[in-house]
Amino acid sequence: MALKPPEFVFVHSYSSTADNWHDVMLGKNGVDGRIGKAQKLADEYSIPLIANDIADARNRKLYRDLGITNLATARNTRDEVVSALKASVDGAVLFVTSPDHLPRVVRDVMAENGVRCLFAASDISFSPSGAKGVNVIEPAHEKYPVHNIRDSQSPTEPDKIASR
């Protein structure tokens, strides 16, 4: 099966009640937020940019003002993922979110069998710790622990450890 290009870019919403909403969504000082990164990718692939937010009026206005198609049915991350996959023909969606939210989006997409999806991170995290603060727990690592952890490695780095 050949890898198909994405059908559209899907930008993940962020609560406009958060103090850093503007920076996370639109960017700051020339650094891309979610929308900036998503728009660049949509332009690069010459594909539509889509969002889905019914719960946040400020996000809905932002999408409308920027000409971003808003499916306007989702209330949370899982709703966004499911709607994006349903809106696609072949399941080839390019999801864009913050680096520290990307693991959750990937998990939700994979749980819906979105194996043809692609993922990209914006340049701005929504949490102070960024992606380094994300803990990933994989069931296989719990069942089959890796015993060759060196002192310089952290047990929270299973991907680096498992790749040896």
N, C-alpha and C. Protein backbone atom coordinates (compact mmCIF):
# COMPACT_ATOMS: atom_id res chain seq x y z
N MET A 1 0.84 -1.17 0.00
CA MET A 1 0.00 0.00 0.00
C MET A 1 0.89 1.25 0.00
N ALA A 2 0.70 2.10 -0.97
CA ALA A 2 1.47 3.33 -1.07
C ALA A 2 0.96 4.35 -0.06
N LEU A 3 1.89 5.13 0.46
CA LEU A 3 1.52 6.18 1.39
C LEU A 3 0.81 7.29 0.61
N LYS A 4 -0.40 7.61 1.05
CA LYS A 4 -1.17 8.64 0.37
C LYS A 4 -0.90 9.98 1.05
N PRO A 5 -0.90 11.04 0.27
CA PRO A 5 -0.75 12.36 0.89
C PRO A 5 -1.99 12.67 1.72
N PRO A 6 -1.84 13.54 2.70
CA PRO A 6 -3.01 13.87 3.53
C PRO A 6 -4.09 14.57 2.71
N GLU A 7 -5.34 14.33 3.11
CA GLU A 7 -6.48 14.96 2.44
C GLU A 7 -6.68 16.39 2.92
N PHE A 8 -6.40 16.60 4.20
CA PHE A 8 -6.51 17.93 4.78
C PHE A 8 -5.68 17.99 6.05
N VAL A 9 -5.41 19.21 6.49
CA VAL A 9 -4.75 19.45 7.76
C VAL A 9 -5.83 19.74 8.78
N PHE A 10 -5.71 19.10 9.93
CA PHE A 10 -6.68 19.33 11.01
C PHE A 10 -5.95 20.01 12.17
N VAL A 11 -6.38 21.22 12.51
CA VAL A 11 -5.77 21.95 13.61
C VAL A 11 -6.59 21.72 14.87
N HIS A 12 -5.90 21.33 15.92
CA HIS A 12 -6.55 21.02 17.19
C HIS A 12 -6.81 22.32 17.97
N SER A 13 -8.00 22.46 18.53
CA SER A 13 -8.37 23.64 19.30
C SER A 13 -7.72 23.66 20.67
N TYR A 14 -7.73 24.84 21.28
CA TYR A 14 -7.20 25.03 22.63
C TYR A 14 -8.13 26.01 23.32
N SER A 15 -8.41 25.78 24.58
CA SER A 15 -9.38 26.60 25.30
C SER A 15 -8.97 28.07 25.33
N SER A 16 -9.87 28.91 24.89
CA SER A 16 -9.59 30.35 24.87
C SER A 16 -9.62 30.95 26.27
N THR A 17 -9.99 30.18 27.27
CA THR A 17 -9.94 30.69 28.64
C THR A 17 -8.54 30.58 29.23
N ALA A 18 -7.65 29.87 28.56
CA ALA A 18 -6.27 29.74 29.04
C ALA A 18 -5.52 31.05 28.83
N ASP A 19 -4.68 31.41 29.77
CA ASP A 19 -3.92 32.66 29.69
C ASP A 19 -3.04 32.73 28.45
N ASN A 20 -2.55 31.58 27.98
CA ASN A 20 -1.63 31.56 26.85
C ASN A 20 -2.32 31.17 25.53
N TRP A 21 -3.64 31.29 25.49
CA TRP A 21 -4.40 30.89 24.29
C TRP A 21 -3.87 31.55 23.02
N HIS A 22 -3.69 32.85 23.05
CA HIS A 22 -3.25 33.56 21.85
C HIS A 22 -1.94 32.99 21.33
N ASP A 23 -0.96 32.83 22.20
CA ASP A 23 0.35 32.33 21.79
C ASP A 23 0.26 30.89 21.28
N VAL A 24 -0.49 30.04 21.99
CA VAL A 24 -0.60 28.64 21.58
C VAL A 24 -1.29 28.52 20.23
N MET A 25 -2.32 29.28 20.01
CA MET A 25 -3.06 29.17 18.76
C MET A 25 -2.42 29.96 17.62
N LEU A 26 -1.97 31.18 17.88
CA LEU A 26 -1.52 32.07 16.81
C LEU A 26 -0.01 32.28 16.76
N GLY A 27 0.67 31.95 17.83
CA GLY A 27 2.11 32.12 17.86
C GLY A 27 2.53 33.41 18.53
N LYS A 28 3.85 33.59 18.60
CA LYS A 28 4.40 34.76 19.29
C LYS A 28 5.80 35.02 18.77
N ASN A 29 6.09 36.28 18.48
CA ASN A 29 7.44 36.69 18.06
C ASN A 29 7.97 35.88 16.89
N GLY A 30 7.12 35.64 15.91
CA GLY A 30 7.55 34.91 14.72
C GLY A 30 7.63 33.40 14.88
N VAL A 31 7.22 32.89 16.02
CA VAL A 31 7.21 31.44 16.28
C VAL A 31 5.79 30.94 16.06
N ASP A 32 5.65 29.87 15.30
CA ASP A 32 4.33 29.37 14.93
C ASP A 32 3.57 28.72 16.07
N GLY A 33 2.34 29.15 16.26
CA GLY A 33 1.39 28.44 17.09
C GLY A 33 0.74 27.36 16.25
N ARG A 34 -0.32 26.78 16.77
CA ARG A 34 -1.00 25.68 16.07
C ARG A 34 -1.50 26.11 14.69
N ILE A 35 -2.15 27.26 14.62
CA ILE A 35 -2.74 27.69 13.35
C ILE A 35 -1.65 28.05 12.33
N GLY A 36 -0.62 28.73 12.77
CA GLY A 36 0.45 29.07 11.85
C GLY A 36 1.10 27.84 11.24
N LYS A 37 1.40 26.86 12.07
CA LYS A 37 2.02 25.63 11.58
C LYS A 37 1.05 24.89 10.66
N ALA A 38 -0.21 24.81 11.07
CA ALA A 38 -1.21 24.12 10.25
C ALA A 38 -1.40 24.79 8.90
N GLN A 39 -1.43 26.12 8.88
CA GLN A 39 -1.60 26.85 7.62
C GLN A 39 -0.42 26.63 6.70
N LYS A 40 0.79 26.66 7.24
CA LYS A 40 1.98 26.41 6.42
C LYS A 40 1.94 25.02 5.79
N LEU A 41 1.52 24.03 6.58
CA LEU A 41 1.44 22.67 6.05
C LEU A 41 0.33 22.54 5.00
N ALA A 42 -0.80 23.17 5.25
CA ALA A 42 -1.89 23.15 4.27
C ALA A 42 -1.44 23.80 2.97
N ASP A 43 -0.73 24.90 3.07
CA ASP A 43 -0.21 25.57 1.88
C ASP A 43 0.82 24.70 1.16
N GLU A 44 1.70 24.08 1.94
CA GLU A 44 2.75 23.22 1.36
C GLU A 44 2.15 22.06 0.56
N TYR A 45 1.11 21.44 1.11
CA TYR A 45 0.48 20.29 0.45
C TYR A 45 -0.67 20.70 -0.49
N SER A 46 -1.03 21.97 -0.48
CA SER A 46 -2.17 22.48 -1.26
C SER A 46 -3.45 21.73 -0.91
N ILE A 47 -3.71 21.65 0.38
CA ILE A 47 -4.90 20.97 0.88
C ILE A 47 -5.63 21.87 1.87
N PRO A 48 -6.90 21.58 2.15
CA PRO A 48 -7.67 22.43 3.06
C PRO A 48 -7.18 22.33 4.51
N LEU A 49 -7.48 23.38 5.26
CA LEU A 49 -7.24 23.43 6.70
C LEU A 49 -8.60 23.39 7.38
N ILE A 50 -8.75 22.44 8.29
CA ILE A 50 -10.04 22.21 8.95
C ILE A 50 -9.84 22.20 10.46
N ALA A 51 -10.84 22.65 11.19
CA ALA A 51 -10.88 22.60 12.64
C ALA A 51 -12.24 22.07 13.06
N ASN A 52 -12.42 21.84 14.35
CA ASN A 52 -13.73 21.42 14.85
C ASN A 52 -13.88 21.85 16.29
N ASP A 53 -14.71 22.86 16.51
CA ASP A 53 -14.95 23.35 17.87
C ASP A 53 -16.33 23.96 17.93
N ILE A 54 -17.20 23.35 18.71
CA ILE A 54 -18.53 23.93 18.93
C ILE A 54 -18.62 24.60 20.30
N ALA A 55 -17.74 24.24 21.22
CA ALA A 55 -17.86 24.66 22.61
C ALA A 55 -17.25 26.03 22.90
N ASP A 56 -16.32 26.48 22.11
CA ASP A 56 -15.56 27.70 22.43
C ASP A 56 -15.85 28.80 21.40
N ALA A 57 -16.61 29.79 21.81
CA ALA A 57 -17.03 30.87 20.90
C ALA A 57 -15.84 31.64 20.34
N ARG A 58 -14.82 31.84 21.15
CA ARG A 58 -13.64 32.59 20.68
C ARG A 58 -12.90 31.82 19.59
N ASN A 59 -12.78 30.50 19.75
CA ASN A 59 -12.16 29.68 18.70
C ASN A 59 -13.02 29.71 17.44
N ARG A 60 -14.32 29.60 17.60
CA ARG A 60 -15.20 29.62 16.43
C ARG A 60 -15.04 30.93 15.65
N LYS A 61 -14.97 32.05 16.39
CA LYS A 61 -14.78 33.35 15.74
C LYS A 61 -13.41 33.40 15.06
N LEU A 62 -12.39 32.91 15.71
CA LEU A 62 -11.05 32.90 15.13
C LEU A 62 -11.04 32.12 13.81
N TYR A 63 -11.62 30.93 13.83
CA TYR A 63 -11.66 30.12 12.61
C TYR A 63 -12.44 30.84 11.50
N ARG A 64 -13.56 31.43 11.87
CA ARG A 64 -14.37 32.15 10.88
C ARG A 64 -13.57 33.33 10.30
N ASP A 65 -12.93 34.11 11.18
CA ASP A 65 -12.16 35.27 10.73
C ASP A 65 -11.00 34.89 9.82
N LEU A 66 -10.40 33.71 10.06
CA LEU A 66 -9.25 33.28 9.27
C LEU A 66 -9.64 32.42 8.07
N GLY A 67 -10.94 32.18 7.90
CA GLY A 67 -11.40 31.37 6.76
C GLY A 67 -11.11 29.89 6.90
N ILE A 68 -10.98 29.42 8.14
CA ILE A 68 -10.73 28.00 8.40
C ILE A 68 -12.07 27.30 8.55
N THR A 69 -12.26 26.23 7.80
CA THR A 69 -13.50 25.45 7.90
C THR A 69 -13.60 24.86 9.31
N ASN A 70 -14.72 25.11 9.97
CA ASN A 70 -14.96 24.57 11.31
C ASN A 70 -16.15 23.61 11.22
N LEU A 71 -15.90 22.35 11.49
CA LEU A 71 -16.99 21.35 11.46
C LEU A 71 -18.02 21.61 12.55
N ALA A 72 -17.63 22.29 13.61
CA ALA A 72 -18.51 22.77 14.69
C ALA A 72 -19.37 21.68 15.33
N THR A 73 -18.74 20.55 15.67
CA THR A 73 -19.45 19.50 16.40
C THR A 73 -18.70 19.02 17.64
N ALA A 74 -17.40 19.29 17.74
CA ALA A 74 -16.56 18.71 18.79
C ALA A 74 -16.54 19.53 20.07
N ARG A 75 -16.53 18.79 21.18
CA ARG A 75 -16.41 19.42 22.51
C ARG A 75 -15.11 19.06 23.21
N ASN A 76 -14.35 18.09 22.67
CA ASN A 76 -13.12 17.66 23.31
C ASN A 76 -12.20 17.00 22.27
N THR A 77 -11.02 16.61 22.71
CA THR A 77 -10.03 16.03 21.81
C THR A 77 -10.55 14.80 21.08
N ARG A 78 -11.16 13.90 21.81
CA ARG A 78 -11.66 12.67 21.17
C ARG A 78 -12.70 13.00 20.10
N ASP A 79 -13.61 13.92 20.40
CA ASP A 79 -14.60 14.34 19.39
C ASP A 79 -13.92 14.90 18.15
N GLU A 80 -12.87 15.69 18.35
CA GLU A 80 -12.15 16.27 17.22
C GLU A 80 -11.53 15.17 16.35
N VAL A 81 -10.88 14.22 17.01
CA VAL A 81 -10.23 13.13 16.29
C VAL A 81 -11.24 12.32 15.50
N VAL A 82 -12.31 11.91 16.14
CA VAL A 82 -13.33 11.08 15.49
C VAL A 82 -13.94 11.82 14.31
N SER A 83 -14.24 13.10 14.49
CA SER A 83 -14.86 13.87 13.40
C SER A 83 -13.89 14.05 12.23
N ALA A 84 -12.62 14.26 12.52
CA ALA A 84 -11.64 14.42 11.44
C ALA A 84 -11.52 13.13 10.64
N LEU A 85 -11.46 12.01 11.33
CA LEU A 85 -11.36 10.73 10.63
C LEU A 85 -12.61 10.45 9.80
N LYS A 86 -13.78 10.80 10.33
CA LYS A 86 -15.02 10.61 9.58
C LYS A 86 -15.11 11.54 8.37
N ALA A 87 -14.53 12.73 8.49
CA ALA A 87 -14.57 13.69 7.39
C ALA A 87 -13.63 13.30 6.25
N SER A 88 -12.67 12.45 6.54
CA SER A 88 -11.71 12.05 5.51
C SER A 88 -12.27 10.89 4.69
N VAL A 89 -11.79 10.78 3.47
CA VAL A 89 -12.21 9.69 2.59
C VAL A 89 -11.39 8.44 2.86
N ASP A 90 -10.07 8.61 2.94
CA ASP A 90 -9.16 7.48 3.12
C ASP A 90 -8.47 7.44 4.48
N GLY A 91 -8.84 8.33 5.39
CA GLY A 91 -8.21 8.35 6.70
C GLY A 91 -6.85 9.00 6.72
N ALA A 92 -6.50 9.72 5.66
CA ALA A 92 -5.19 10.37 5.60
C ALA A 92 -5.34 11.83 6.04
N VAL A 93 -5.22 12.05 7.33
CA VAL A 93 -5.38 13.37 7.92
C VAL A 93 -4.04 13.78 8.54
N LEU A 94 -3.68 15.04 8.41
CA LEU A 94 -2.49 15.58 9.04
C LEU A 94 -2.94 16.41 10.24
N PHE A 95 -2.72 15.87 11.43
CA PHE A 95 -3.13 16.54 12.68
C PHE A 95 -2.02 17.47 13.16
N VAL A 96 -2.39 18.68 13.59
CA VAL A 96 -1.44 19.63 14.15
C VAL A 96 -1.93 20.06 15.52
N THR A 97 -1.04 19.97 16.50
CA THR A 97 -1.33 20.42 17.85
C THR A 97 -0.02 20.82 18.51
N SER A 98 -0.07 21.17 19.77
CA SER A 98 1.14 21.55 20.50
C SER A 98 1.99 20.31 20.78
N PRO A 99 3.31 20.49 20.91
CA PRO A 99 4.19 19.34 21.13
C PRO A 99 3.84 18.54 22.38
N ASP A 100 3.37 19.21 23.42
CA ASP A 100 3.05 18.52 24.66
C ASP A 100 1.64 17.94 24.67
N HIS A 101 0.87 18.19 23.64
CA HIS A 101 -0.46 17.57 23.51
C HIS A 101 -0.47 16.49 22.43
N LEU A 102 0.56 16.49 21.61
CA LEU A 102 0.62 15.55 20.49
C LEU A 102 0.53 14.09 20.91
N PRO A 103 1.20 13.65 21.99
CA PRO A 103 1.06 12.23 22.37
C PRO A 103 -0.39 11.80 22.62
N ARG A 104 -1.17 12.66 23.23
CA ARG A 104 -2.58 12.34 23.48
C ARG A 104 -3.36 12.24 22.17
N VAL A 105 -3.09 13.18 21.26
CA VAL A 105 -3.78 13.15 19.97
C VAL A 105 -3.41 11.88 19.20
N VAL A 106 -2.12 11.54 19.20
CA VAL A 106 -1.69 10.31 18.53
C VAL A 106 -2.39 9.10 19.14
N ARG A 107 -2.44 9.03 20.47
CA ARG A 107 -3.13 7.92 21.13
C ARG A 107 -4.59 7.84 20.71
N ASP A 108 -5.28 8.97 20.71
CA ASP A 108 -6.69 8.97 20.36
C ASP A 108 -6.91 8.57 18.90
N VAL A 109 -6.04 9.03 18.02
CA VAL A 109 -6.15 8.69 16.60
C VAL A 109 -5.90 7.19 16.42
N MET A 110 -4.86 6.66 17.05
CA MET A 110 -4.56 5.23 16.92
C MET A 110 -5.67 4.37 17.51
N ALA A 111 -6.28 4.84 18.58
CA ALA A 111 -7.40 4.10 19.19
C ALA A 111 -8.59 4.02 18.24
N GLU A 112 -8.66 4.96 17.29
CA GLU A 112 -9.73 4.95 16.29
C GLU A 112 -9.25 4.33 14.98
N ASN A 113 -8.11 3.65 15.00
CA ASN A 113 -7.53 2.98 13.84
C ASN A 113 -7.12 3.95 12.74
N GLY A 114 -6.65 5.12 13.13
CA GLY A 114 -6.22 6.12 12.17
C GLY A 114 -4.79 5.91 11.71
N VAL A 115 -4.53 4.74 11.18
CA VAL A 115 -3.15 4.35 10.86
C VAL A 115 -2.57 5.05 9.63
N ARG A 116 -3.37 5.79 8.89
CA ARG A 116 -2.86 6.52 7.72
C ARG A 116 -2.63 7.99 8.04
N CYS A 117 -2.79 8.36 9.28
CA CYS A 117 -2.66 9.76 9.67
C CYS A 117 -1.21 10.17 9.83
N LEU A 118 -0.99 11.44 9.71
CA LEU A 118 0.31 12.05 9.94
C LEU A 118 0.14 13.07 11.06
N PHE A 119 1.25 13.44 11.68
CA PHE A 119 1.18 14.34 12.84
C PHE A 119 2.29 15.36 12.77
N ALA A 120 1.98 16.58 13.22
CA ALA A 120 2.98 17.64 13.30
C ALA A 120 2.72 18.46 14.55
N ALA A 121 3.79 18.97 15.11
CA ALA A 121 3.69 19.80 16.31
C ALA A 121 3.93 21.26 15.94
N SER A 122 3.17 22.13 16.59
CA SER A 122 3.45 23.55 16.46
C SER A 122 4.76 23.83 17.20
N ASP A 123 5.19 25.07 17.16
CA ASP A 123 6.46 25.43 17.79
C ASP A 123 6.28 25.91 19.23
N ILE A 124 5.04 25.98 19.69
CA ILE A 124 4.76 26.50 21.03
C ILE A 124 4.00 25.47 21.85
N SER A 125 4.56 25.11 22.99
CA SER A 125 3.89 24.20 23.93
C SER A 125 2.81 24.95 24.68
N PHE A 126 1.84 24.20 25.21
CA PHE A 126 0.82 24.86 26.02
C PHE A 126 1.13 24.79 27.51
N SER A 127 2.11 23.99 27.89
CA SER A 127 2.50 23.90 29.30
C SER A 127 3.93 24.39 29.47
N PRO A 128 4.28 24.85 30.65
CA PRO A 128 5.65 25.34 30.88
C PRO A 128 6.73 24.27 30.65
N SER A 129 6.42 23.03 30.93
CA SER A 129 7.42 21.96 30.78
C SER A 129 7.56 21.48 29.34
N GLY A 130 6.59 21.78 28.49
CA GLY A 130 6.65 21.34 27.10
C GLY A 130 6.61 19.83 26.98
N ALA A 131 7.10 19.33 25.87
CA ALA A 131 7.05 17.89 25.59
C ALA A 131 7.86 17.08 26.61
N LYS A 132 8.89 17.69 27.21
CA LYS A 132 9.69 16.97 28.21
C LYS A 132 8.87 16.58 29.43
N GLY A 133 7.79 17.28 29.67
CA GLY A 133 6.94 17.00 30.82
C GLY A 133 5.90 15.93 30.58
N VAL A 134 5.84 15.40 29.37
CA VAL A 134 4.84 14.39 29.03
C VAL A 134 5.33 13.02 29.47
N ASN A 135 4.50 12.30 30.18
CA ASN A 135 4.81 10.93 30.55
C ASN A 135 4.04 9.99 29.65
N VAL A 136 4.75 9.04 29.07
CA VAL A 136 4.12 8.05 28.20
C VAL A 136 4.24 6.69 28.88
N ILE A 137 3.12 6.04 29.05
CA ILE A 137 3.11 4.71 29.65
C ILE A 137 2.59 3.75 28.60
N GLU A 138 3.44 2.85 28.18
CA GLU A 138 3.05 1.86 27.19
C GLU A 138 2.80 0.53 27.91
N PRO A 139 1.65 -0.08 27.67
CA PRO A 139 1.34 -1.34 28.35
C PRO A 139 2.43 -2.40 28.20
N ALA A 140 3.02 -2.52 27.03
CA ALA A 140 4.06 -3.54 26.83
C ALA A 140 5.27 -3.28 27.72
N HIS A 141 5.58 -2.01 27.95
CA HIS A 141 6.72 -1.69 28.81
C HIS A 141 6.40 -1.99 30.27
N GLU A 142 5.15 -1.91 30.63
CA GLU A 142 4.74 -2.27 31.99
C GLU A 142 4.83 -3.78 32.18
N LYS A 143 4.42 -4.51 31.16
CA LYS A 143 4.41 -5.97 31.25
C LYS A 143 5.81 -6.56 31.10
N TYR A 144 6.62 -5.96 30.21
CA TYR A 144 7.96 -6.45 29.94
C TYR A 144 8.96 -5.34 30.22
N PRO A 145 9.26 -5.06 31.49
CA PRO A 145 10.16 -3.95 31.82
C PRO A 145 11.56 -4.17 31.25
N VAL A 146 12.17 -3.08 30.89
CA VAL A 146 13.53 -3.11 30.39
C VAL A 146 14.46 -3.07 31.59
N HIS A 147 15.41 -4.02 31.67
CA HIS A 147 16.27 -4.13 32.84
C HIS A 147 17.65 -3.54 32.64
N ASN A 148 17.96 -3.05 31.45
CA ASN A 148 19.30 -2.56 31.19
C ASN A 148 19.37 -1.03 31.21
N ILE A 149 18.66 -0.41 32.11
CA ILE A 149 18.68 1.04 32.22
C ILE A 149 19.99 1.46 32.88
N ARG A 150 20.71 2.33 32.19
CA ARG A 150 21.95 2.85 32.75
C ARG A 150 21.63 4.02 33.67
N ASP A 151 22.57 4.38 34.50
CA ASP A 151 22.39 5.48 35.44
C ASP A 151 22.04 6.80 34.75
N SER A 152 22.55 7.00 33.55
CA SER A 152 22.31 8.26 32.85
C SER A 152 20.94 8.32 32.18
N GLN A 153 20.21 7.23 32.21
CA GLN A 153 18.91 7.20 31.56
C GLN A 153 17.80 7.29 32.59
N SER A 154 16.73 7.83 32.16
CA SER A 154 15.56 7.93 33.00
C SER A 154 14.58 6.84 32.61
N PRO A 155 13.91 6.22 33.57
CA PRO A 155 12.90 5.22 33.22
C PRO A 155 11.73 5.80 32.45
N THR A 156 11.64 7.14 32.35
CA THR A 156 10.57 7.75 31.58
C THR A 156 10.96 7.93 30.13
N GLU A 157 12.08 7.34 29.71
CA GLU A 157 12.52 7.41 28.33
C GLU A 157 12.45 6.04 27.66
N PRO A 158 11.28 5.40 27.66
CA PRO A 158 11.21 4.03 27.13
C PRO A 158 11.54 3.91 25.67
N ASP A 159 11.24 4.94 24.87
CA ASP A 159 11.51 4.82 23.45
C ASP A 159 13.01 4.78 23.17
N LYS A 160 13.79 5.59 23.87
CA LYS A 160 15.24 5.56 23.69
C LYS A 160 15.80 4.23 24.17
N ILE A 161 15.30 3.74 25.26
CA ILE A 161 15.78 2.49 25.84
C ILE A 161 15.42 1.31 24.94
N ALA A 162 14.17 1.29 24.49
CA ALA A 162 13.67 0.16 23.69
C ALA A 162 14.31 0.09 22.32
N SER A 163 14.86 1.20 21.83
CA SER A 163 15.41 1.20 20.48
C SER A 163 16.82 0.63 20.42
N ARG A 164 17.40 0.24 21.55
CA ARG A 164 18.77 -0.30 21.57
C ARG A 164 18.81 -1.72 21.14
